Amino acid sequence: KGGRISKASGWFGTVLKICPLLNMD
């Protein structure tokens, strides 16, 4: 929704149970 990833990437990420790990620069 925030445009950080595409809908397609979001769908594949959800199916594959991808959890992004981020930090602060």
PDB file of all heavy atoms in Angstrom:
ATOM      1  N   LYS A   1       0.818  -1.212   0.000  1.00  0.00           N
ATOM      2  CA  LYS A   1       0.000   0.000   0.000  1.00  0.00           C
ATOM      3  C   LYS A   1       0.853   1.263   0.000  1.00  0.00           C
ATOM      4  O   LYS A   1       0.482   2.278  -0.588  1.00  0.00           O
ATOM      5  CB  LYS A   1      -0.923  -0.003   1.217  1.00  0.00           C
ATOM      6  CG  LYS A   1      -2.058  -1.016   1.135  1.00  0.00           C
ATOM      7  CD  LYS A   1      -2.983  -0.907   2.342  1.00  0.00           C
ATOM      8  CE  LYS A   1      -4.166  -1.856   2.214  1.00  0.00           C
ATOM      9  NZ  LYS A   1      -5.080  -1.771   3.390  1.00  0.00           N
ATOM     10  N   GLY A   2       2.008   1.203   0.660  1.00  0.00           N
ATOM     11  CA  GLY A   2       2.883   2.370   0.732  1.00  0.00           C
ATOM     12  C   GLY A   2       3.803   2.510  -0.466  1.00  0.00           C
ATOM     13  O   GLY A   2       4.580   3.474  -0.545  1.00  0.00           O
ATOM     14  N   GLY A   3       3.710   1.560  -1.410  1.00  0.00           N
ATOM     15  CA  GLY A   3       4.519   1.636  -2.615  1.00  0.00           C
ATOM     16  C   GLY A   3       5.955   1.188  -2.443  1.00  0.00           C
ATOM     17  O   GLY A   3       6.786   1.368  -3.341  1.00  0.00           O
ATOM     18  N   ARG A   4       6.276   0.570  -1.302  1.00  0.00           N
ATOM     19  CA  ARG A   4       7.651   0.116  -1.072  1.00  0.00           C
ATOM     20  C   ARG A   4       7.975  -1.122  -1.874  1.00  0.00           C
ATOM     21  O   ARG A   4       9.137  -1.349  -2.222  1.00  0.00           O
ATOM     22  CB  ARG A   4       7.879  -0.120   0.421  1.00  0.00           C
ATOM     23  CG  ARG A   4       7.966   1.173   1.202  1.00  0.00           C
ATOM     24  CD  ARG A   4       7.893   0.950   2.704  1.00  0.00           C
ATOM     25  NE  ARG A   4       7.989   2.226   3.399  1.00  0.00           N
ATOM     26  CZ  ARG A   4       7.003   3.102   3.494  1.00  0.00           C
ATOM     27  NH1 ARG A   4       5.841   2.820   2.938  1.00  0.00           N
ATOM     28  NH2 ARG A   4       7.156   4.247   4.113  1.00  0.00           N
ATOM     29  N   ILE A   5       6.960  -1.942  -2.116  1.00  0.00           N
ATOM     30  CA  ILE A   5       7.135  -3.096  -3.000  1.00  0.00           C
ATOM     31  C   ILE A   5       5.925  -3.168  -3.922  1.00  0.00           C
ATOM     32  O   ILE A   5       4.853  -2.638  -3.607  1.00  0.00           O
ATOM     33  CB  ILE A   5       7.289  -4.422  -2.211  1.00  0.00           C
ATOM     34  CG1 ILE A   5       6.049  -4.692  -1.351  1.00  0.00           C
ATOM     35  CG2 ILE A   5       8.539  -4.401  -1.346  1.00  0.00           C
ATOM     36  CD1 ILE A   5       6.091  -6.031  -0.636  1.00  0.00           C
ATOM     37  N   SER A   6       6.093  -3.818  -5.063  1.00  0.00           N
ATOM     38  CA  SER A   6       4.999  -3.919  -6.025  1.00  0.00           C
ATOM     39  C   SER A   6       3.969  -4.931  -5.549  1.00  0.00           C
ATOM     40  O   SER A   6       4.230  -5.755  -4.659  1.00  0.00           O
ATOM     41  CB  SER A   6       5.551  -4.349  -7.386  1.00  0.00           C
ATOM     42  OG  SER A   6       6.037  -5.690  -7.313  1.00  0.00           O
ATOM     43  N   LYS A   7       2.798  -4.884  -6.171  1.00  0.00           N
ATOM     44  CA  LYS A   7       1.757  -5.845  -5.831  1.00  0.00           C
ATOM     45  C   LYS A   7       2.221  -7.267  -6.132  1.00  0.00           C
ATOM     46  O   LYS A   7       1.943  -8.200  -5.368  1.00  0.00           O
ATOM     47  CB  LYS A   7       0.472  -5.526  -6.595  1.00  0.00           C
ATOM     48  CG  LYS A   7      -0.230  -4.261  -6.121  1.00  0.00           C
ATOM     49  CD  LYS A   7      -1.543  -4.054  -6.872  1.00  0.00           C
ATOM     50  CE  LYS A   7      -2.263  -2.812  -6.364  1.00  0.00           C
ATOM     51  NZ  LYS A   7      -3.546  -2.582  -7.079  1.00  0.00           N
ATOM     52  N   ALA A   8       2.924  -7.431  -7.262  1.00  0.00           N
ATOM     53  CA  ALA A   8       3.416  -8.762  -7.639  1.00  0.00           C
ATOM     54  C   ALA A   8       4.415  -9.277  -6.610  1.00  0.00           C
ATOM     55  O   ALA A   8       4.341 -10.438  -6.171  1.00  0.00           O
ATOM     56  CB  ALA A   8       4.057  -8.722  -9.012  1.00  0.00           C
ATOM     57  N   SER A   9       5.352  -8.412  -6.187  1.00  0.00           N
ATOM     58  CA  SER A   9       6.334  -8.816  -5.184  1.00  0.00           C
ATOM     59  C   SER A   9       5.662  -9.118  -3.859  1.00  0.00           C
ATOM     60  O   SER A   9       6.049 -10.066  -3.159  1.00  0.00           O
ATOM     61  CB  SER A   9       7.380  -7.714  -4.994  1.00  0.00           C
ATOM     62  OG  SER A   9       8.130  -7.514  -6.166  1.00  0.00           O
ATOM     63  N   GLY A  10       4.645  -8.322  -3.534  1.00  0.00           N
ATOM     64  CA  GLY A  10       3.907  -8.563  -2.300  1.00  0.00           C
ATOM     65  C   GLY A  10       3.187  -9.897  -2.323  1.00  0.00           C
ATOM     66  O   GLY A  10       3.166 -10.627  -1.325  1.00  0.00           O
ATOM     67  N   TRP A  11       2.609 -10.233  -3.492  1.00  0.00           N
ATOM     68  CA  TRP A  11       1.897 -11.518  -3.609  1.00  0.00           C
ATOM     69  C   TRP A  11       2.865 -12.684  -3.485  1.00  0.00           C
ATOM     70  O   TRP A  11       2.620 -13.615  -2.721  1.00  0.00           O
ATOM     71  CB  TRP A  11       1.180 -11.567  -4.956  1.00  0.00           C
ATOM     72  CG  TRP A  11       0.352 -12.805  -5.119  1.00  0.00           C
ATOM     73  CD1 TRP A  11      -0.937 -12.990  -4.689  1.00  0.00           C
ATOM     74  CD2 TRP A  11       0.748 -14.036  -5.741  1.00  0.00           C
ATOM     75  NE1 TRP A  11      -1.366 -14.263  -5.005  1.00  0.00           N
ATOM     76  CE2 TRP A  11      -0.353 -14.931  -5.649  1.00  0.00           C
ATOM     77  CE3 TRP A  11       1.920 -14.467  -6.371  1.00  0.00           C
ATOM     78  CZ2 TRP A  11      -0.313 -16.225  -6.159  1.00  0.00           C
ATOM     79  CZ3 TRP A  11       1.969 -15.753  -6.881  1.00  0.00           C
ATOM     80  CH2 TRP A  11       0.858 -16.623  -6.776  1.00  0.00           C
ATOM     81  N   PHE A  12       3.973 -12.610  -4.230  1.00  0.00           N
ATOM     82  CA  PHE A  12       4.960 -13.697  -4.155  1.00  0.00           C
ATOM     83  C   PHE A  12       5.565 -13.788  -2.762  1.00  0.00           C
ATOM     84  O   PHE A  12       5.796 -14.882  -2.238  1.00  0.00           O
ATOM     85  CB  PHE A  12       6.068 -13.492  -5.197  1.00  0.00           C
ATOM     86  CG  PHE A  12       5.683 -13.906  -6.574  1.00  0.00           C
ATOM     87  CD1 PHE A  12       5.479 -12.963  -7.570  1.00  0.00           C
ATOM     88  CD2 PHE A  12       5.506 -15.250  -6.888  1.00  0.00           C
ATOM     89  CE1 PHE A  12       5.110 -13.346  -8.857  1.00  0.00           C
ATOM     90  CE2 PHE A  12       5.144 -15.644  -8.172  1.00  0.00           C
ATOM     91  CZ  PHE A  12       4.950 -14.687  -9.152  1.00  0.00           C
ATOM     92  N   GLY A  13       5.841 -12.626  -2.151  1.00  0.00           N
ATOM     93  CA  GLY A  13       6.407 -12.621  -0.808  1.00  0.00           C
ATOM     94  C   GLY A  13       5.474 -13.251   0.206  1.00  0.00           C
ATOM     95  O   GLY A  13       5.915 -13.987   1.098  1.00  0.00           O
ATOM     96  N   THR A  14       4.174 -12.981   0.054  1.00  0.00           N
ATOM     97  CA  THR A  14       3.192 -13.566   0.969  1.00  0.00           C
ATOM     98  C   THR A  14       3.104 -15.076   0.781  1.00  0.00           C
ATOM     99  O   THR A  14       3.086 -15.841   1.750  1.00  0.00           O
ATOM    100  CB  THR A  14       1.813 -12.925   0.747  1.00  0.00           C
ATOM    101  OG1 THR A  14       1.905 -11.510   1.009  1.00  0.00           O
ATOM    102  CG2 THR A  14       0.781 -13.544   1.671  1.00  0.00           C
ATOM    103  N   VAL A  15       3.076 -15.515  -0.478  1.00  0.00           N
ATOM    104  CA  VAL A  15       2.999 -16.950  -0.769  1.00  0.00           C
ATOM    105  C   VAL A  15       4.231 -17.683  -0.227  1.00  0.00           C
ATOM    106  O   VAL A  15       4.129 -18.770   0.353  1.00  0.00           O
ATOM    107  CB  VAL A  15       2.860 -17.184  -2.288  1.00  0.00           C
ATOM    108  CG1 VAL A  15       3.026 -18.668  -2.616  1.00  0.00           C
ATOM    109  CG2 VAL A  15       1.511 -16.673  -2.779  1.00  0.00           C
ATOM    110  N   LEU A  16       5.407 -17.065  -0.389  1.00  0.00           N
ATOM    111  CA  LEU A  16       6.661 -17.686   0.046  1.00  0.00           C
ATOM    112  C   LEU A  16       6.990 -17.395   1.512  1.00  0.00           C
ATOM    113  O   LEU A  16       8.026 -17.821   2.012  1.00  0.00           O
ATOM    114  CB  LEU A  16       7.814 -17.191  -0.837  1.00  0.00           C
ATOM    115  CG  LEU A  16       7.729 -17.578  -2.316  1.00  0.00           C
ATOM    116  CD1 LEU A  16       8.855 -16.919  -3.094  1.00  0.00           C
ATOM    117  CD2 LEU A  16       7.779 -19.094  -2.483  1.00  0.00           C
ATOM    118  N   LYS A  17       6.095 -16.622   2.175  1.00  0.00           N
ATOM    119  CA  LYS A  17       6.274 -16.276   3.594  1.00  0.00           C
ATOM    120  C   LYS A  17       7.586 -15.529   3.823  1.00  0.00           C
ATOM    121  O   LYS A  17       8.336 -15.815   4.763  1.00  0.00           O
ATOM    122  CB  LYS A  17       6.197 -17.521   4.476  1.00  0.00           C
ATOM    123  CG  LYS A  17       4.856 -18.237   4.408  1.00  0.00           C
ATOM    124  CD  LYS A  17       4.798 -19.439   5.331  1.00  0.00           C
ATOM    125  CE  LYS A  17       3.426 -20.104   5.255  1.00  0.00           C
ATOM    126  NZ  LYS A  17       3.331 -21.306   6.141  1.00  0.00           N
ATOM    127  N   ILE A  18       7.844 -14.553   2.944  1.00  0.00           N
ATOM    128  CA  ILE A  18       9.042 -13.728   3.065  1.00  0.00           C
ATOM    129  C   ILE A  18       8.810 -12.641   4.117  1.00  0.00           C
ATOM    130  O   ILE A  18       7.808 -11.936   4.088  1.00  0.00           O
ATOM    131  CB  ILE A  18       9.402 -13.071   1.722  1.00  0.00           C
ATOM    132  CG1 ILE A  18       9.728 -14.143   0.677  1.00  0.00           C
ATOM    133  CG2 ILE A  18      10.568 -12.101   1.888  1.00  0.00           C
ATOM    134  CD1 ILE A  18      10.932 -14.981   1.001  1.00  0.00           C
ATOM    135  N   CYS A  19       9.761 -12.515   5.037  1.00  0.00           N
ATOM    136  CA  CYS A  19       9.708 -11.477   6.061  1.00  0.00           C
ATOM    137  C   CYS A  19      10.907 -10.548   5.877  1.00  0.00           C
ATOM    138  O   CYS A  19      12.052 -10.973   6.122  1.00  0.00           O
ATOM    139  CB  CYS A  19       9.754 -12.093   7.460  1.00  0.00           C
ATOM    140  SG  CYS A  19       8.445 -13.276   7.811  1.00  0.00           S
ATOM    141  N   PRO A  20      10.702  -9.316   5.426  1.00  0.00           N
ATOM    142  CA  PRO A  20      11.837  -8.411   5.245  1.00  0.00           C
ATOM    143  C   PRO A  20      12.448  -8.017   6.586  1.00  0.00           C
ATOM    144  O   PRO A  20      11.732  -7.774   7.559  1.00  0.00           O
ATOM    145  CB  PRO A  20      11.217  -7.198   4.545  1.00  0.00           C
ATOM    146  CG  PRO A  20       9.768  -7.247   4.898  1.00  0.00           C
ATOM    147  CD  PRO A  20       9.424  -8.694   5.054  1.00  0.00           C
ATOM    148  N   LEU A  21      13.772  -7.980   6.623  1.00  0.00           N
ATOM    149  CA  LEU A  21      14.504  -7.520   7.804  1.00  0.00           C
ATOM    150  C   LEU A  21      15.172  -6.200   7.437  1.00  0.00           C
ATOM    151  O   LEU A  21      15.936  -6.125   6.470  1.00  0.00           O
ATOM    152  CB  LEU A  21      15.540  -8.560   8.226  1.00  0.00           C
ATOM    153  CG  LEU A  21      16.379  -8.243   9.465  1.00  0.00           C
ATOM    154  CD1 LEU A  21      15.492  -8.065  10.693  1.00  0.00           C
ATOM    155  CD2 LEU A  21      17.399  -9.353   9.720  1.00  0.00           C
ATOM    156  N   LEU A  22      14.854  -5.148   8.182  1.00  0.00           N
ATOM    157  CA  LEU A  22      15.321  -3.798   7.880  1.00  0.00           C
ATOM    158  C   LEU A  22      16.104  -3.251   9.066  1.00  0.00           C
ATOM    159  O   LEU A  22      15.980  -3.738  10.192  1.00  0.00           O
ATOM    160  CB  LEU A  22      14.144  -2.855   7.598  1.00  0.00           C
ATOM    161  CG  LEU A  22      13.041  -3.285   6.635  1.00  0.00           C
ATOM    162  CD1 LEU A  22      11.945  -4.058   7.346  1.00  0.00           C
ATOM    163  CD2 LEU A  22      12.424  -2.056   5.958  1.00  0.00           C
ATOM    164  N   ASN A  23      16.904  -2.219   8.786  1.00  0.00           N
ATOM    165  CA  ASN A  23      17.468  -1.445   9.889  1.00  0.00           C
ATOM    166  C   ASN A  23      17.456   0.027   9.520  1.00  0.00           C
ATOM    167  O   ASN A  23      17.026   0.400   8.426  1.00  0.00           O
ATOM    168  CB  ASN A  23      18.872  -1.936  10.263  1.00  0.00           C
ATOM    169  CG  ASN A  23      19.955  -1.411   9.338  1.00  0.00           C
ATOM    170  OD1 ASN A  23      19.727  -1.149   8.166  1.00  0.00           O
ATOM    171  ND2 ASN A  23      21.149  -1.267   9.880  1.00  0.00           N
ATOM    172  N   MET A  24      17.915   0.868  10.448  1.00  0.00           N
ATOM    173  CA  MET A  24      17.935   2.305  10.214  1.00  0.00           C
ATOM    174  C   MET A  24      19.354   2.735   9.887  1.00  0.00           C
ATOM    175  O   MET A  24      20.308   2.314  10.541  1.00  0.00           O
ATOM    176  CB  MET A  24      17.413   3.046  11.444  1.00  0.00           C
ATOM    177  CG  MET A  24      17.272   4.536  11.250  1.00  0.00           C
ATOM    178  SD  MET A  24      16.391   5.328  12.607  1.00  0.00           S
ATOM    179  CE  MET A  24      14.698   4.880  12.195  1.00  0.00           C
ATOM    180  N   ASP A  25      19.507   3.599   8.852  1.00  0.00           N
ATOM    181  CA  ASP A  25      20.841   4.031   8.456  1.00  0.00           C
ATOM    182  C   ASP A  25      21.236   5.304   9.196  1.00  0.00           C
ATOM    183  O   ASP A  25      20.534   5.765  10.103  1.00  0.00           O
ATOM    184  CB  ASP A  25      20.920   4.204   6.932  1.00  0.00           C
ATOM    185  CG  ASP A  25      20.144   5.410   6.411  1.00  0.00           C
ATOM    186  OD1 ASP A  25      19.539   6.151   7.216  1.00  0.00           O
ATOM    187  OD2 ASP A  25      20.135   5.610   5.187  1.00  0.00           O
TER     188      ASP A  25
END
